[in-house]
C-alpha atoms as a PDB file:
ATOM      1  CA  MET A   1      19.336  -9.216 -18.693  1.00  0.00           C
ATOM      2  CA  GLN A   2      17.592  -6.736 -17.453  1.00  0.00           C
ATOM      3  CA  MET A   3      14.444  -6.924 -15.304  1.00  0.00           C
ATOM      4  CA  LYS A   4      11.775  -4.385 -15.998  1.00  0.00           C
ATOM      5  CA  PRO A   5      10.731  -2.675 -12.780  1.00  0.00           C
ATOM      6  CA  GLY A   6       8.257  -3.325 -11.093  1.00  0.00           C
ATOM      7  CA  PRO A   7       5.103  -1.470 -10.273  1.00  0.00           C
ATOM      8  CA  LYS A   8       5.415   1.750  -7.374  1.00  0.00           C
ATOM      9  CA  PRO A   9       3.794   2.326  -4.647  1.00  0.00           C
ATOM     10  CA  ASN A  10      -0.250   3.122  -5.339  1.00  0.00           C
ATOM     11  CA  ARG A  11      -0.270   6.682  -3.681  1.00  0.00           C
ATOM     12  CA  ARG A  12      -3.686   7.320  -5.181  1.00  0.00           C
ATOM     13  CA  ALA A  13      -5.354   4.648  -3.069  1.00  0.00           C
ATOM     14  CA  ILE A  14      -3.892   6.556   0.503  1.00  0.00           C
ATOM     15  CA  ALA A  15      -4.404   9.065  -1.227  1.00  0.00           C
ATOM     16  CA  ALA A  16      -8.224   8.602  -1.726  1.00  0.00           C
ATOM     17  CA  TRP A  17      -8.650   6.922   1.522  1.00  0.00           C
ATOM     18  CA  LYS A  18      -7.768  10.084   3.369  1.00  0.00           C
ATOM     19  CA  GLN A  19      -9.820  11.595   1.132  1.00  0.00           C
ATOM     20  CA  HIS A  20     -13.364  10.401   0.917  1.00  0.00           C
ATOM     21  CA  ARG A  21     -12.889   8.625   4.313  1.00  0.00           C
ATOM     22  CA  PRO A  22     -10.660  11.747   7.422  1.00  0.00           C
ATOM     23  CA  GLU A  23     -12.866  10.391   9.756  1.00  0.00           C
ATOM     24  CA  GLN A  24     -11.114   6.930   9.553  1.00  0.00           C
ATOM     25  CA  ILE A  25      -7.602   8.271  10.134  1.00  0.00           C
ATOM     26  CA  THR A  26      -7.730   8.477  13.929  1.00  0.00           C
ATOM     27  CA  PRO A  27      -9.109   4.940  14.588  1.00  0.00           C
ATOM     28  CA  LEU A  28      -6.477   3.315  11.824  1.00  0.00           C
ATOM     29  CA  ALA A  29      -3.735   5.459  14.096  1.00  0.00           C
ATOM     30  CA  LYS A  30      -4.858   4.027  17.537  1.00  0.00           C
ATOM     31  CA  HIS A  31      -5.169   0.857  15.921  1.00  0.00           C
ATOM     32  CA  LEU A  32      -1.705   0.898  14.773  1.00  0.00           C
ATOM     33  CA  GLY A  33      -0.200   2.355  17.935  1.00  0.00           C
ATOM     34  CA  ILE A  34       0.733   5.526  16.221  1.00  0.00           C
ATOM     35  CA  SER A  35      -0.082   9.268  16.018  1.00  0.00           C
ATOM     36  CA  VAL A  36      -2.633  10.777  13.920  1.00  0.00           C
ATOM     37  CA  PRO A  37       0.003  13.703  12.135  1.00  0.00           C
ATOM     38  CA  ALA A  38       2.203  10.001  11.284  1.00  0.00           C
ATOM     39  CA  VAL A  39      -0.878   8.735   9.032  1.00  0.00           C
ATOM     40  CA  SER A  40      -1.895  11.688   7.823  1.00  0.00           C
ATOM     41  CA  LYS A  41       1.909  12.127   6.710  1.00  0.00           C
ATOM     42  CA  TRP A  42       2.204   8.811   4.510  1.00  0.00           C
ATOM     43  CA  PRO A  43       2.271   9.298   0.869  1.00  0.00           C
ATOM     44  CA  TYR A  44       2.273   5.517   0.715  1.00  0.00           C
ATOM     45  CA  VAL A  45       1.256   2.700   3.433  1.00  0.00           C
ATOM     46  CA  PRO A  46       4.981   1.648   4.641  1.00  0.00           C
ATOM     47  CA  ARG A  47       5.838  -2.092   3.871  1.00  0.00           C
ATOM     48  CA  ALA A  48       5.873  -2.473   7.675  1.00  0.00           C
ATOM     49  CA  ARG A  49       2.178  -1.429   7.871  1.00  0.00           C
ATOM     50  CA  LEU A  50       0.484  -2.996   4.716  1.00  0.00           C
ATOM     51  CA  THR A  51      -0.959  -5.806   6.628  1.00  0.00           C
ATOM     52  CA  ASP A  52      -2.519  -4.444   9.247  1.00  0.00           C
ATOM     53  CA  VAL A  53      -3.436  -1.144   6.889  1.00  0.00           C
ATOM     54  CA  ALA A  54      -5.290  -3.932   4.134  1.00  0.00           C
ATOM     55  CA  ARG A  55      -6.627  -6.071   7.593  1.00  0.00           C
ATOM     56  CA  PHE A  56      -8.162  -2.921   9.125  1.00  0.00           C
ATOM     57  CA  LEU A  57      -9.516  -1.389   5.583  1.00  0.00           C
ATOM     58  CA  ASP A  58     -10.905  -4.716   4.607  1.00  0.00           C
ATOM     59  CA  VAL A  59      -8.914  -4.816   1.447  1.00  0.00           C
ATOM     60  CA  PRO A  60      -6.614  -7.127  -0.446  1.00  0.00           C
ATOM     61  CA  PRO A  61      -2.819  -5.269   0.030  1.00  0.00           C
ATOM     62  CA  LEU A  62      -2.106  -5.363  -3.224  1.00  0.00           C
ATOM     63  CA  VAL A  63      -4.489  -2.545  -3.357  1.00  0.00           C
ATOM     64  CA  LEU A  64      -2.755  -0.256  -1.265  1.00  0.00           C
ATOM     65  CA  ARG A  65       1.239  -1.397  -2.758  1.00  0.00           C
ATOM     66  CA  PRO A  66       1.119  -3.142  -5.600  1.00  0.00           C
ATOM     67  CA  ASP A  67       4.589  -2.895  -5.420  1.00  0.00           C
ATOM     68  CA  THR A  68       4.910  -5.925  -2.702  1.00  0.00           C
ATOM     69  CA  ASP A  69       3.364  -8.638  -5.615  1.00  0.00           C
ATOM     70  CA  PRO A  70       4.766 -11.974  -4.534  1.00  0.00           C
ATOM     71  CA  PHE A  71       4.829 -12.912  -7.897  1.00  0.00           C
ATOM     72  CA  ASP A  72       6.071 -10.003 -10.139  1.00  0.00           C
ATOM     73  CA  SER A  73       9.172 -11.772  -9.651  1.00  0.00           C
ATOM     74  CA  LEU A  74       7.877 -14.413 -12.166  1.00  0.00           C
ATOM     75  CA  THR A  75       8.041 -11.411 -15.082  1.00  0.00           C
ATOM     76  CA  ASN A  76      10.643 -12.400 -18.078  1.00  0.00           C
ATOM     77  CA  PRO A  77      12.557  -9.275 -19.118  1.00  0.00           C
ATOM     78  CA  LYS A  78       9.900  -8.706 -21.689  1.00  0.00           C
ATOM     79  CA  GLY A  79       7.392  -7.947 -18.474  1.00  0.00           C
ATOM     80  CA  GLU A  80       5.330 -11.444 -19.656  1.00  0.00           C
ATOM     81  CA  TYR A  81       4.685 -13.672 -17.482  1.00  0.00           C
ATOM     82  CA  PRO A  82       5.259 -17.718 -17.762  1.00  0.00           C
END
């Protein structure tokens, strides 16, 4: 039985945020205790930082990383939910 590949990290969400809210990159980096260049280089939010970033941005984590959906494993091989 072969499972369908799950969703990929949402690269557009973090790219759109960095483009439309560049003034928040520095506060986010300070909030996380990392450098501004480190945040600027993210192609997507690292899984280890997801909860903190989602809370800071006031968005659900699944918006930033749909590949972390805890219910994704409930899909059957056809990709349908039970």
